[in-house]
Structure formats: C-alpha cells, structure tokens
Amino acid sequence: MNKRGQAWSLDLLMGVFLFTVALSVFYFSALNSSNNLNEAIDLLSYDGRSISKNILSEGSPNDWNSSSVVQIGILDDGKINETKLEAFYDLANTDYARTKSLFNTKYDYYFFLDTNITFNSITIDGIGKPGITRDNVAQADIKNLIRVDRISVYENKIIGATLFVWEND
C-alpha cells in the first residue's frame, strides 16, 4: 500500500510541474507577442512620420525630376507645387519600388489630399501603391496600418494631407 501512495504522489508532482511549465511558456509567449506588435506599430509610426515629412518638404534637389531626385518633396515656399506633385505621381506609377527606396522604407504607402488632385483634366485619388485608393486601403491584404494626417496649402487653400503606411500580411 505504501508504494502505491508514493507512486501517486510522484505522478501528482510530475503533473503539477508540467502544468506549471506549460503555463509559464504560455504566459511569456503572450507577453512577447504583445511586445512584437508594439514594436511593429512603433516602426510603422516612425516610417510614416518620416515619409510624410519628406513628402511635405521641398525635396532634393529643389528642382528635382524623376532622373535627378534624391529626396521626394512636393512643396515650394511652404505650398504644394503642382509640378512636383505630378512628378511624384508619375514616379510612383512608373517605379513604385524606387519611391519606397527613396523614402527608405520597406512598408507600402498611399498619400492623398482632402481635395481633388487634377493633372491634365484627369482627377486622381492619391499617390502610392498601385491599385490602392483611400476607400479600399482598409480592405487590402494588410497586417498593420497607421495613418498620418498633416496640414498643407494647395491652390491657396489650407487642406489636409493624409498618408497611410502599412505592412503586408
């Protein structure tokens, strides 16, 4: 009889030990996944602020074009320059990967203004990843999404400028 009681005690101790280990592993993995999400959001936020700061600058060189651009920027004298805005649009449509490289980001982006943008009688929704619009960005196959809102001057009116930055799933 004593041996059966000892075996049962050993089994109980082993079960409690395994349960404690499993619970500890689950607890620490849950803590780490939350830290990973916070880190991803922090990186997206940093890139979003950096990209919007670049876009709403004069760019480099000041009179850049698609062959000479070092930094994309659409402003002149604190106002959105139509020529630079159109050059940014053309560059994003012809070589989106290059614009991401110029922004020094691995994330996708989409930039738009609160008012219509028109080039050569054609109204565009925004500038960025092909196939994305301000209306469908939330339905795209994405993992994390941040939004950066800024204020600028376009056609002598104060307008909002919005940038979405996201990581693919």
C-alpha atoms as a PDB file:
ATOM      1  CA  MET A   1       0.000   0.000   0.000  1.00  0.00           C
ATOM      2  CA  ASN A   2       2.739   2.458   0.781  1.00  0.00           C
ATOM      3  CA  LYS A   3       4.252   2.023  -2.667  1.00  0.00           C
ATOM      4  CA  ARG A   4       1.003   2.894  -4.428  1.00  0.00           C
ATOM      5  CA  GLY A   5       0.697   6.094  -2.424  1.00  0.00           C
ATOM      6  CA  GLN A   6       4.242   7.076  -3.256  1.00  0.00           C
ATOM      7  CA  ALA A   7       3.737   6.473  -6.975  1.00  0.00           C
ATOM      8  CA  TRP A   8       0.570   8.527  -6.943  1.00  0.00           C
ATOM      9  CA  SER A   9       2.407  11.382  -5.177  1.00  0.00           C
ATOM     10  CA  LEU A  10       5.192  11.233  -7.761  1.00  0.00           C
ATOM     11  CA  ASP A  11       2.633  11.366 -10.597  1.00  0.00           C
ATOM     12  CA  LEU A  12       0.916  14.319  -8.962  1.00  0.00           C
ATOM     13  CA  LEU A  13       4.191  16.194  -8.547  1.00  0.00           C
ATOM     14  CA  MET A  14       5.159  15.488 -12.158  1.00  0.00           C
ATOM     15  CA  GLY A  15       1.723  16.678 -13.380  1.00  0.00           C
ATOM     16  CA  VAL A  16       1.897  19.883 -11.358  1.00  0.00           C
ATOM     17  CA  PHE A  17       5.425  20.505 -12.634  1.00  0.00           C
ATOM     18  CA  LEU A  18       4.415  20.020 -16.306  1.00  0.00           C
ATOM     19  CA  PHE A  19       1.324  22.210 -15.838  1.00  0.00           C
ATOM     20  CA  THR A  20       3.450  24.965 -14.289  1.00  0.00           C
ATOM     21  CA  VAL A  21       5.982  24.797 -17.131  1.00  0.00           C
ATOM     22  CA  ALA A  22       3.216  24.894 -19.780  1.00  0.00           C
ATOM     23  CA  LEU A  23       1.517  27.817 -18.053  1.00  0.00           C
ATOM     24  CA  SER A  24       4.828  29.711 -17.809  1.00  0.00           C
ATOM     25  CA  VAL A  25       5.609  29.155 -21.510  1.00  0.00           C
ATOM     26  CA  PHE A  26       2.140  30.377 -22.482  1.00  0.00           C
ATOM     27  CA  TYR A  27       2.418  33.443 -20.237  1.00  0.00           C
ATOM     28  CA  PHE A  28       5.839  34.510 -21.553  1.00  0.00           C
ATOM     29  CA  SER A  29       4.908  33.926 -25.202  1.00  0.00           C
ATOM     30  CA  ALA A  30       1.776  36.050 -24.744  1.00  0.00           C
ATOM     31  CA  LEU A  31       3.874  38.865 -23.261  1.00  0.00           C
ATOM     32  CA  ASN A  32       6.393  38.697 -26.104  1.00  0.00           C
ATOM     33  CA  SER A  33       3.748  38.752 -28.855  1.00  0.00           C
ATOM     34  CA  SER A  34       2.315  41.949 -27.395  1.00  0.00           C
ATOM     35  CA  ASN A  35       5.801  43.498 -27.384  1.00  0.00           C
ATOM     36  CA  ASN A  36       6.280  42.462 -31.036  1.00  0.00           C
ATOM     37  CA  LEU A  37       3.030  44.194 -32.007  1.00  0.00           C
ATOM     38  CA  ASN A  38       4.047  47.366 -30.169  1.00  0.00           C
ATOM     39  CA  GLU A  39       7.447  47.291 -31.885  1.00  0.00           C
ATOM     40  CA  ALA A  40       5.812  46.872 -35.326  1.00  0.00           C
ATOM     41  CA  ILE A  41       3.467  49.812 -34.675  1.00  0.00           C
ATOM     42  CA  ASP A  42       6.390  51.940 -33.456  1.00  0.00           C
ATOM     43  CA  LEU A  43       8.365  51.175 -36.639  1.00  0.00           C
ATOM     44  CA  LEU A  44       5.357  51.944 -38.838  1.00  0.00           C
ATOM     45  CA  SER A  45       4.752  55.208 -36.979  1.00  0.00           C
ATOM     46  CA  TYR A  46       8.381  56.223 -37.348  1.00  0.00           C
ATOM     47  CA  ASP A  47       8.371  55.488 -41.092  1.00  0.00           C
ATOM     48  CA  GLY A  48       5.009  57.239 -41.508  1.00  0.00           C
ATOM     49  CA  ARG A  49       6.260  60.415 -39.866  1.00  0.00           C
ATOM     50  CA  SER A  50       9.484  60.258 -41.897  1.00  0.00           C
ATOM     51  CA  ILE A  51       7.693  59.719 -45.231  1.00  0.00           C
ATOM     52  CA  SER A  52       5.155  62.492 -44.586  1.00  0.00           C
ATOM     53  CA  LYS A  53       7.960  64.829 -43.548  1.00  0.00           C
ATOM     54  CA  ASN A  54       9.799  64.058 -46.804  1.00  0.00           C
ATOM     55  CA  ILE A  55       6.707  64.458 -48.985  1.00  0.00           C
ATOM     56  CA  LEU A  56       5.803  67.764 -47.352  1.00  0.00           C
ATOM     57  CA  SER A  57       9.263  69.224 -47.923  1.00  0.00           C
ATOM     58  CA  GLU A  58      10.901  70.858 -50.936  1.00  0.00           C
ATOM     59  CA  GLY A  59      12.750  67.689 -51.859  1.00  0.00           C
ATOM     60  CA  SER A  60      16.277  67.405 -53.112  1.00  0.00           C
ATOM     61  CA  PRO A  61      17.475  68.866 -55.352  1.00  0.00           C
ATOM     62  CA  ASN A  62      14.999  71.734 -55.127  1.00  0.00           C
ATOM     63  CA  ASP A  63      14.012  71.402 -58.797  1.00  0.00           C
ATOM     64  CA  TRP A  64      14.071  67.598 -58.854  1.00  0.00           C
ATOM     65  CA  ASN A  65      12.673  65.405 -61.596  1.00  0.00           C
ATOM     66  CA  SER A  66      12.407  61.635 -61.970  1.00  0.00           C
ATOM     67  CA  SER A  67      16.036  61.266 -63.083  1.00  0.00           C
ATOM     68  CA  SER A  68      17.644  63.670 -60.582  1.00  0.00           C
ATOM     69  CA  VAL A  69      15.574  63.067 -57.447  1.00  0.00           C
ATOM     70  CA  VAL A  70      17.438  62.309 -54.224  1.00  0.00           C
ATOM     71  CA  GLN A  71      14.541  63.095 -51.873  1.00  0.00           C
ATOM     72  CA  ILE A  72      10.910  63.371 -52.947  1.00  0.00           C
ATOM     73  CA  GLY A  73       9.237  66.576 -51.795  1.00  0.00           C
ATOM     74  CA  ILE A  74       6.244  68.448 -53.199  1.00  0.00           C
ATOM     75  CA  LEU A  75       6.493  71.887 -51.570  1.00  0.00           C
ATOM     76  CA  ASP A  76       7.864  75.218 -52.746  1.00  0.00           C
ATOM     77  CA  ASP A  77       7.713  78.188 -50.373  1.00  0.00           C
ATOM     78  CA  GLY A  78       5.514  76.179 -47.984  1.00  0.00           C
ATOM     79  CA  LYS A  79       2.868  75.440 -50.643  1.00  0.00           C
ATOM     80  CA  ILE A  80       2.252  72.324 -52.727  1.00  0.00           C
ATOM     81  CA  ASN A  81       3.891  72.698 -56.136  1.00  0.00           C
ATOM     82  CA  GLU A  82       1.757  71.168 -58.929  1.00  0.00           C
ATOM     83  CA  THR A  83       4.831  70.222 -60.991  1.00  0.00           C
ATOM     84  CA  LYS A  84       6.441  68.347 -58.100  1.00  0.00           C
ATOM     85  CA  LEU A  85       3.138  66.735 -57.165  1.00  0.00           C
ATOM     86  CA  GLU A  86       2.711  65.463 -60.718  1.00  0.00           C
ATOM     87  CA  ALA A  87       6.348  64.286 -60.834  1.00  0.00           C
ATOM     88  CA  PHE A  88       5.756  62.349 -57.593  1.00  0.00           C
ATOM     89  CA  TYR A  89       2.593  60.818 -59.060  1.00  0.00           C
ATOM     90  CA  ASP A  90       4.396  59.823 -62.290  1.00  0.00           C
ATOM     91  CA  LEU A  91       7.356  58.347 -60.402  1.00  0.00           C
ATOM     92  CA  ALA A  92       5.093  56.311 -58.091  1.00  0.00           C
ATOM     93  CA  ASN A  93       3.132  54.985 -61.083  1.00  0.00           C
ATOM     94  CA  THR A  94       6.194  54.045 -63.135  1.00  0.00           C
ATOM     95  CA  ASP A  95       8.609  52.914 -60.390  1.00  0.00           C
ATOM     96  CA  TYR A  96       6.833  52.475 -57.062  1.00  0.00           C
ATOM     97  CA  ALA A  97       9.721  50.396 -55.673  1.00  0.00           C
ATOM     98  CA  ARG A  98      12.110  53.297 -56.306  1.00  0.00           C
ATOM     99  CA  THR A  99       9.892  55.693 -54.350  1.00  0.00           C
ATOM    100  CA  LYS A 100       9.941  53.267 -51.405  1.00  0.00           C
ATOM    101  CA  SER A 101      13.723  53.174 -51.687  1.00  0.00           C
ATOM    102  CA  LEU A 102      13.895  56.986 -51.775  1.00  0.00           C
ATOM    103  CA  PHE A 103      11.710  57.102 -48.654  1.00  0.00           C
ATOM    104  CA  ASN A 104      13.995  54.463 -47.121  1.00  0.00           C
ATOM    105  CA  THR A 105      11.085  52.232 -46.102  1.00  0.00           C
ATOM    106  CA  LYS A 106      10.104  48.622 -46.531  1.00  0.00           C
ATOM    107  CA  TYR A 107       6.445  49.460 -45.929  1.00  0.00           C
ATOM    108  CA  ASP A 108       3.804  50.330 -48.507  1.00  0.00           C
ATOM    109  CA  TYR A 109       2.261  53.790 -48.544  1.00  0.00           C
ATOM    110  CA  TYR A 110      -0.578  55.813 -50.018  1.00  0.00           C
ATOM    111  CA  PHE A 111      -0.704  59.637 -49.937  1.00  0.00           C
ATOM    112  CA  PHE A 112      -3.722  61.817 -50.726  1.00  0.00           C
ATOM    113  CA  LEU A 113      -5.123  65.290 -50.177  1.00  0.00           C
ATOM    114  CA  ASP A 114      -8.562  66.261 -48.845  1.00  0.00           C
ATOM    115  CA  THR A 115      -9.288  67.996 -52.141  1.00  0.00           C
ATOM    116  CA  ASN A 116      -9.226  66.599 -55.672  1.00  0.00           C
ATOM    117  CA  ILE A 117      -5.887  66.403 -57.444  1.00  0.00           C
ATOM    118  CA  THR A 118      -6.143  67.039 -61.177  1.00  0.00           C
ATOM    119  CA  PHE A 119      -3.438  66.622 -63.823  1.00  0.00           C
ATOM    120  CA  ASN A 120      -4.233  67.321 -67.496  1.00  0.00           C
ATOM    121  CA  SER A 121      -8.006  67.178 -66.829  1.00  0.00           C
ATOM    122  CA  ILE A 122      -7.639  63.802 -65.077  1.00  0.00           C
ATOM    123  CA  THR A 123      -8.643  63.606 -61.420  1.00  0.00           C
ATOM    124  CA  ILE A 124      -6.612  61.225 -59.292  1.00  0.00           C
ATOM    125  CA  ASP A 125      -7.414  59.842 -55.863  1.00  0.00           C
ATOM    126  CA  GLY A 126      -3.889  59.815 -54.482  1.00  0.00           C
ATOM    127  CA  ILE A 127      -0.311  58.650 -54.905  1.00  0.00           C
ATOM    128  CA  GLY A 128       1.262  55.412 -53.799  1.00  0.00           C
ATOM    129  CA  LYS A 129       0.877  51.684 -54.133  1.00  0.00           C
ATOM    130  CA  PRO A 130      -0.844  50.844 -57.425  1.00  0.00           C
ATOM    131  CA  GLY A 131      -4.385  49.521 -57.014  1.00  0.00           C
ATOM    132  CA  ILE A 132      -4.908  51.243 -53.645  1.00  0.00           C
ATOM    133  CA  THR A 133      -7.303  54.125 -53.056  1.00  0.00           C
ATOM    134  CA  ARG A 134      -8.299  55.949 -49.909  1.00  0.00           C
ATOM    135  CA  ASP A 135     -11.517  53.923 -49.900  1.00  0.00           C
ATOM    136  CA  ASN A 136     -10.063  50.420 -50.302  1.00  0.00           C
ATOM    137  CA  VAL A 137      -6.874  50.638 -48.223  1.00  0.00           C
ATOM    138  CA  ALA A 138      -8.655  49.238 -45.162  1.00  0.00           C
ATOM    139  CA  GLN A 139      -9.853  46.211 -47.164  1.00  0.00           C
ATOM    140  CA  ALA A 140      -6.418  45.466 -48.665  1.00  0.00           C
ATOM    141  CA  ASP A 141      -4.424  42.420 -47.555  1.00  0.00           C
ATOM    142  CA  ILE A 142      -2.505  44.171 -44.782  1.00  0.00           C
ATOM    143  CA  LYS A 143      -1.201  43.302 -41.343  1.00  0.00           C
ATOM    144  CA  ASN A 144      -0.827  46.667 -39.588  1.00  0.00           C
ATOM    145  CA  LEU A 145      -1.920  50.112 -40.769  1.00  0.00           C
ATOM    146  CA  ILE A 146      -1.181  53.591 -39.486  1.00  0.00           C
ATOM    147  CA  ARG A 147      -2.472  56.952 -40.632  1.00  0.00           C
ATOM    148  CA  VAL A 148      -0.537  60.230 -40.543  1.00  0.00           C
ATOM    149  CA  ASP A 149      -2.503  63.465 -41.020  1.00  0.00           C
ATOM    150  CA  ARG A 150      -0.791  66.747 -41.853  1.00  0.00           C
ATOM    151  CA  ILE A 151      -1.870  70.217 -42.967  1.00  0.00           C
ATOM    152  CA  SER A 152      -0.587  71.983 -46.067  1.00  0.00           C
ATOM    153  CA  VAL A 153      -1.523  74.657 -48.595  1.00  0.00           C
ATOM    154  CA  TYR A 154      -2.767  73.659 -52.044  1.00  0.00           C
ATOM    155  CA  GLU A 155      -4.188  76.073 -54.593  1.00  0.00           C
ATOM    156  CA  ASN A 156      -4.008  78.821 -51.923  1.00  0.00           C
ATOM    157  CA  LYS A 157      -6.283  76.866 -49.543  1.00  0.00           C
ATOM    158  CA  ILE A 158      -5.414  75.103 -46.325  1.00  0.00           C
ATOM    159  CA  ILE A 159      -6.058  71.388 -46.830  1.00  0.00           C
ATOM    160  CA  GLY A 160      -5.428  68.118 -45.066  1.00  0.00           C
ATOM    161  CA  ALA A 161      -2.822  65.697 -46.370  1.00  0.00           C
ATOM    162  CA  THR A 162      -3.103  62.057 -45.329  1.00  0.00           C
ATOM    163  CA  LEU A 163      -0.587  59.245 -45.539  1.00  0.00           C
ATOM    164  CA  PHE A 164      -1.388  55.583 -44.926  1.00  0.00           C
ATOM    165  CA  VAL A 165       1.566  53.287 -44.201  1.00  0.00           C
ATOM    166  CA  TRP A 166       1.145  49.557 -43.753  1.00  0.00           C
ATOM    167  CA  GLU A 167       2.879  46.240 -43.597  1.00  0.00           C
ATOM    168  CA  ASN A 168       1.744  43.406 -45.850  1.00  0.00           C
ATOM    169  CA  ASP A 169       0.260  40.310 -44.291  1.00  0.00           C
END
